[in-house]
N, C-alpha and C. Protein backbone atom coordinates (compact mmCIF):
# COMPACT_ATOMS: atom_id res chain seq x y z
N UNK A 1 0.83 -1.20 0.00
CA UNK A 1 0.00 0.00 0.00
C UNK A 1 0.87 1.25 0.00
N UNK A 2 1.87 1.27 0.87
CA UNK A 2 2.74 2.45 0.95
C UNK A 2 3.44 2.69 -0.38
N UNK A 3 3.93 1.63 -0.98
CA UNK A 3 4.61 1.78 -2.28
C UNK A 3 3.64 2.28 -3.33
N UNK A 4 2.40 1.84 -3.29
CA UNK A 4 1.40 2.31 -4.25
C UNK A 4 1.16 3.81 -4.08
N UNK A 5 1.09 4.28 -2.84
CA UNK A 5 0.90 5.72 -2.61
C UNK A 5 2.13 6.52 -3.03
N UNK A 6 3.31 5.98 -2.78
CA UNK A 6 4.54 6.65 -3.22
C UNK A 6 4.55 6.78 -4.73
N UNK A 7 4.16 5.73 -5.42
CA UNK A 7 4.10 5.76 -6.88
C UNK A 7 3.06 6.77 -7.35
N UNK A 8 1.91 6.78 -6.69
CA UNK A 8 0.86 7.74 -7.03
C UNK A 8 1.38 9.17 -6.86
N UNK A 9 2.10 9.41 -5.78
CA UNK A 9 2.64 10.75 -5.54
C UNK A 9 3.61 11.15 -6.65
N UNK A 10 4.47 10.23 -7.04
CA UNK A 10 5.44 10.54 -8.09
C UNK A 10 4.75 10.80 -9.43
N UNK A 11 3.73 10.02 -9.75
CA UNK A 11 2.98 10.24 -10.99
C UNK A 11 2.28 11.59 -10.95
N UNK A 12 1.65 11.89 -9.82
CA UNK A 12 0.94 13.17 -9.70
C UNK A 12 1.89 14.36 -9.79
N UNK A 13 3.09 14.19 -9.30
CA UNK A 13 4.08 15.28 -9.39
C UNK A 13 4.40 15.64 -10.83
N UNK A 14 4.34 14.66 -11.72
CA UNK A 14 4.66 14.93 -13.12
C UNK A 14 3.49 15.58 -13.85
N UNK A 15 2.34 15.57 -13.23
CA UNK A 15 1.14 16.16 -13.83
C UNK A 15 0.86 17.49 -13.13
N UNK A 16 -0.03 18.26 -13.72
CA UNK A 16 -0.42 19.53 -13.09
C UNK A 16 -1.60 19.28 -12.16
N UNK A 17 -1.30 18.72 -11.03
CA UNK A 17 -2.31 18.38 -10.04
C UNK A 17 -2.36 19.50 -8.99
N UNK A 18 -3.56 19.89 -8.55
CA UNK A 18 -3.66 20.93 -7.53
C UNK A 18 -2.88 20.57 -6.26
N UNK A 19 -2.33 21.58 -5.65
CA UNK A 19 -1.55 21.39 -4.42
C UNK A 19 -2.38 20.70 -3.34
N UNK A 20 -3.68 20.98 -3.29
CA UNK A 20 -4.53 20.37 -2.27
C UNK A 20 -4.55 18.84 -2.40
N UNK A 21 -4.56 18.37 -3.64
CA UNK A 21 -4.58 16.92 -3.87
C UNK A 21 -3.25 16.31 -3.45
N UNK A 22 -2.17 16.97 -3.82
CA UNK A 22 -0.85 16.47 -3.44
C UNK A 22 -0.69 16.48 -1.92
N UNK A 23 -1.23 17.49 -1.26
CA UNK A 23 -1.15 17.57 0.20
C UNK A 23 -1.89 16.40 0.84
N UNK A 24 -3.02 16.02 0.27
CA UNK A 24 -3.78 14.88 0.79
C UNK A 24 -2.97 13.60 0.63
N UNK A 25 -2.35 13.42 -0.53
CA UNK A 25 -1.54 12.22 -0.78
C UNK A 25 -0.37 12.17 0.21
N UNK A 26 0.30 13.30 0.42
CA UNK A 26 1.42 13.34 1.38
C UNK A 26 0.94 13.00 2.79
N UNK A 27 -0.21 13.52 3.17
CA UNK A 27 -0.76 13.22 4.49
C UNK A 27 -1.07 11.74 4.61
N UNK A 28 -1.67 11.15 3.59
CA UNK A 28 -1.96 9.73 3.61
C UNK A 28 -0.67 8.91 3.72
N UNK A 29 0.35 9.33 3.02
CA UNK A 29 1.64 8.64 3.10
C UNK A 29 2.22 8.73 4.51
N UNK A 30 2.07 9.89 5.13
CA UNK A 30 2.54 10.05 6.51
C UNK A 30 1.83 9.11 7.46
N UNK A 31 0.52 9.04 7.34
CA UNK A 31 -0.25 8.16 8.22
C UNK A 31 0.10 6.71 7.98
N UNK A 32 0.22 6.32 6.73
CA UNK A 32 0.55 4.94 6.40
C UNK A 32 1.96 4.57 6.85
N UNK A 33 2.89 5.48 6.66
CA UNK A 33 4.27 5.23 7.08
C UNK A 33 4.34 5.02 8.59
N UNK A 34 3.68 5.88 9.32
CA UNK A 34 3.70 5.78 10.77
C UNK A 34 3.07 4.47 11.24
N UNK A 35 1.99 4.07 10.59
CA UNK A 35 1.27 2.86 11.00
C UNK A 35 2.00 1.57 10.62
N UNK A 36 2.76 1.60 9.55
CA UNK A 36 3.34 0.35 9.06
C UNK A 36 4.81 0.16 9.41
N UNK A 37 5.55 1.23 9.59
CA UNK A 37 6.97 1.06 9.87
C UNK A 37 7.22 0.66 11.32
N UNK A 38 6.51 1.29 12.25
CA UNK A 38 6.53 0.87 13.63
C UNK A 38 7.83 1.03 14.39
N UNK A 39 8.64 2.01 14.06
CA UNK A 39 9.87 2.26 14.82
C UNK A 39 10.22 3.74 14.70
N UNK A 40 11.42 4.11 15.14
CA UNK A 40 11.84 5.51 15.08
C UNK A 40 11.83 6.04 13.65
N UNK A 41 12.16 5.18 12.71
CA UNK A 41 12.14 5.59 11.31
C UNK A 41 10.74 6.03 10.90
N UNK A 42 9.74 5.37 11.44
CA UNK A 42 8.35 5.68 11.10
C UNK A 42 8.01 7.12 11.43
N UNK A 43 8.44 7.58 12.59
CA UNK A 43 8.14 8.95 12.99
C UNK A 43 8.82 9.93 12.05
N UNK A 44 10.07 9.69 11.74
CA UNK A 44 10.80 10.59 10.85
C UNK A 44 10.19 10.65 9.46
N UNK A 45 9.83 9.50 8.92
CA UNK A 45 9.23 9.44 7.59
C UNK A 45 7.87 10.14 7.61
N UNK A 46 7.08 9.88 8.63
CA UNK A 46 5.76 10.51 8.74
C UNK A 46 5.89 12.02 8.84
N UNK A 47 6.80 12.49 9.66
CA UNK A 47 7.01 13.94 9.81
C UNK A 47 7.40 14.56 8.47
N UNK A 48 8.26 13.90 7.72
CA UNK A 48 8.66 14.43 6.41
C UNK A 48 7.46 14.56 5.48
N UNK A 49 6.58 13.57 5.49
CA UNK A 49 5.39 13.63 4.63
C UNK A 49 4.44 14.74 5.08
N UNK A 50 4.25 14.88 6.39
CA UNK A 50 3.37 15.93 6.89
C UNK A 50 3.95 17.31 6.60
N UNK A 51 5.25 17.44 6.71
CA UNK A 51 5.92 18.71 6.39
C UNK A 51 5.63 19.09 4.93
N UNK A 52 5.77 18.12 4.05
CA UNK A 52 5.52 18.36 2.62
C UNK A 52 4.06 18.73 2.39
N UNK A 53 3.15 18.06 3.08
CA UNK A 53 1.72 18.38 2.94
C UNK A 53 1.45 19.82 3.34
N UNK A 54 2.04 20.26 4.44
CA UNK A 54 1.82 21.63 4.90
C UNK A 54 2.55 22.65 4.03
N UNK A 55 3.63 22.26 3.41
CA UNK A 55 4.30 23.16 2.47
C UNK A 55 3.39 23.40 1.25
N UNK A 56 2.75 22.32 0.80
CA UNK A 56 1.87 22.41 -0.35
C UNK A 56 0.55 23.12 -0.03
N UNK A 57 0.05 22.86 1.16
CA UNK A 57 -1.23 23.43 1.58
C UNK A 57 -1.15 23.74 3.07
N UNK A 58 -0.75 24.97 3.41
CA UNK A 58 -0.54 25.32 4.83
C UNK A 58 -1.73 25.08 5.74
N UNK A 59 -2.94 25.04 5.20
CA UNK A 59 -4.11 24.81 6.05
C UNK A 59 -4.59 23.36 5.99
N UNK A 60 -3.71 22.43 5.65
CA UNK A 60 -4.05 21.00 5.59
C UNK A 60 -4.22 20.51 7.02
N UNK A 61 -5.46 20.46 7.46
CA UNK A 61 -5.77 20.21 8.87
C UNK A 61 -5.35 18.81 9.33
N UNK A 62 -5.54 17.81 8.51
CA UNK A 62 -5.19 16.45 8.92
C UNK A 62 -3.69 16.32 9.20
N UNK A 63 -2.87 16.89 8.33
CA UNK A 63 -1.41 16.85 8.54
C UNK A 63 -1.04 17.57 9.83
N UNK A 64 -1.67 18.71 10.06
CA UNK A 64 -1.41 19.48 11.28
C UNK A 64 -1.79 18.68 12.52
N UNK A 65 -2.96 18.04 12.49
CA UNK A 65 -3.41 17.24 13.63
C UNK A 65 -2.47 16.07 13.91
N UNK A 66 -2.03 15.41 12.84
CA UNK A 66 -1.12 14.27 13.01
C UNK A 66 0.22 14.71 13.59
N UNK A 67 0.70 15.88 13.15
CA UNK A 67 1.95 16.39 13.71
C UNK A 67 1.79 16.71 15.19
N UNK A 68 0.65 17.29 15.54
CA UNK A 68 0.40 17.60 16.95
C UNK A 68 0.41 16.32 17.80
N UNK A 69 -0.11 15.24 17.25
CA UNK A 69 -0.08 13.96 17.97
C UNK A 69 1.35 13.48 18.17
N UNK A 70 2.20 13.75 17.20
CA UNK A 70 3.59 13.29 17.27
C UNK A 70 4.46 14.16 18.19
N UNK A 71 3.93 15.25 18.69
CA UNK A 71 4.70 16.09 19.61
C UNK A 71 5.13 15.32 20.86
N UNK A 72 4.47 14.22 21.13
CA UNK A 72 4.83 13.40 22.29
C UNK A 72 6.21 12.77 22.13
N UNK A 73 6.71 12.69 20.91
CA UNK A 73 8.04 12.14 20.65
C UNK A 73 9.06 13.21 21.01
N UNK A 74 9.64 13.11 22.19
CA UNK A 74 10.51 14.16 22.70
C UNK A 74 11.73 14.43 21.83
N UNK A 75 12.22 13.41 21.13
CA UNK A 75 13.40 13.59 20.29
C UNK A 75 13.11 14.51 19.10
N UNK A 76 11.89 14.55 18.67
CA UNK A 76 11.54 15.33 17.48
C UNK A 76 10.67 16.54 17.81
N UNK A 77 10.42 16.76 19.06
CA UNK A 77 9.48 17.80 19.48
C UNK A 77 9.82 19.17 18.91
N UNK A 78 11.08 19.59 18.98
CA UNK A 78 11.41 20.94 18.51
C UNK A 78 11.26 21.07 17.00
N UNK A 79 11.62 20.02 16.27
CA UNK A 79 11.45 20.05 14.81
C UNK A 79 9.99 20.09 14.41
N UNK A 80 9.16 19.34 15.11
CA UNK A 80 7.73 19.32 14.81
C UNK A 80 7.11 20.66 15.16
N UNK A 81 7.49 21.21 16.30
CA UNK A 81 6.95 22.52 16.70
C UNK A 81 7.32 23.59 15.67
N UNK A 82 8.51 23.50 15.10
CA UNK A 82 8.92 24.44 14.06
C UNK A 82 8.02 24.36 12.84
N UNK A 83 7.68 23.16 12.44
CA UNK A 83 6.79 22.97 11.28
C UNK A 83 5.43 23.57 11.55
N UNK A 84 4.94 23.41 12.77
CA UNK A 84 3.59 23.88 13.10
C UNK A 84 3.50 25.38 13.29
N UNK A 85 4.62 26.06 13.40
CA UNK A 85 4.58 27.52 13.60
C UNK A 85 4.11 28.26 12.40
């Protein structure tokens, strides 16, 4: 599933797809990465996807909510707080 979403994201990048759609795909990738990787790498990968979603669409609420949930990870807290500012 994750690979399918990654492929979808890459295909959509080559097309003129609205930023809102790309932000949704990035958010979905973040959620899937966090749920399936299950280790420290999962948090980092998820944060990267959520960061990209918010870069594309700053008011992407789902990405923002997921990042807020990840604030509990003390090792990444300052980086996540920076993204949310």
